[in-house]
Amino acid sequence: MEGNNYRKPIAPIERLTVTLRFLATGESFNSLAFRFRLGAETVRCIVKDTLQVIWRRLQPQELPAPDRETWEHTANGFYERWQFPLCAGSIDGKHVQLKAPTNSGSQYFNYKGHHSIVLMATCDARSKFVIIDVGAFGSSSDGGIFQDSNFFQLLRSKTLHLPDPKRISNTNIEVPYVFVGDEAFPLLENLMRPFPRRDLSDDKRIFNYRLSRARKQIECAFGILSSMWRILRKPIEVHVDFAIDIVKATCVLHNYNREPERTNEMDTIDADTDSPLMAMPTTARSAGRQNGDGKAQQQQQQQQQPGVGGTVASKSALKSALTFCRKFEP
């Protein structure tokens, strides 16, 4: 931002104002150019540069790589607020709508009937993001995106720095720390999902209820995110890499605003229905993805497969699920 003999540089506060206006309203670059008396291409460059600065400055503070202490703090929050023990986070995916990328075919076309990239995230008990992965094809299922992620590889190899298993009340069995997701995700030793909604016993029905209470926090996080940053409520008319920068910036700004001293009654908002993990910027990947005909159809197909919740679960995963059921016995 060096000046010259005929023009002063645009001040940092104005660059930040333009960017936050873009994120908060979803205005076009032409509209912002008219409002701030700048060139449309100048506005585009300002927004792109500022988004990258926001990510670089806030990510180490607001979205650092989680460690053992982070997981224990998250689990304590879920138990205090939602009565689900040893829950390390709630996980789900959100489709971020964008204008169809050039020569992309149906890679970004999702079951909702528009083009999108997917934000896969986990959050804590206060709907604050812990891990994010941005940039997967909109045509991919949540389960497919999860299994292609760095997060899944670390979870499967037990290098996620989760605390050691603990005993929970009403049982003498140690169970591991777990994440909670919906029917789109597989049942794993460290990932719980609901039992199929047929022929449920009382303890399994209560388990599904408790899991749903904990899992809804990620839905609330996505709802708060899109309510505050309305650029996410309309098709983003930029290329994919630019859209990924937008989503990453809104996520760290979301966490910044979720700090208790900065939060103003945001818990009452209803949901719309550099890290070695997922916080690294990712590009859309073409390998190992399957086209999805709809989340509901995927879940229906999964429920028709053998195993708990429609997946072929391991014995350790099934043991963890049944142990939680014993914890929630009426």
Foldseek 3Di string as FASTA:
>chain_A
DDDDDPDDDDDPVVLVVLQLCCQQPVDQLVVSCVVVVHDSVVSVVSNLVVLVVLLVVLCCPQANQDAQVLQVVLQVLCCVPQNQHLASWAKDKDWQAAQDAPPPPCQQQALVGGGTKMWIFTAGNLLATHFIATAAHRQFFRQQVCCVFQQVVCVVVVNSNHDDFDDDPLDPDTAGRAYEYELSHDQASRYDYQFPPPPDDPLSVLLNVSSCSRNCSNQLSQQLLCNRGVSRVDHHHDDRLSVLSSVLSSSSVSSVCSDVVNDDPSVPGDGPNVYSGRSNHDHYDDPRGDGHNDNVVSQVCQCPADDGSSHPYDPSSVVNSVSSSSVRPD
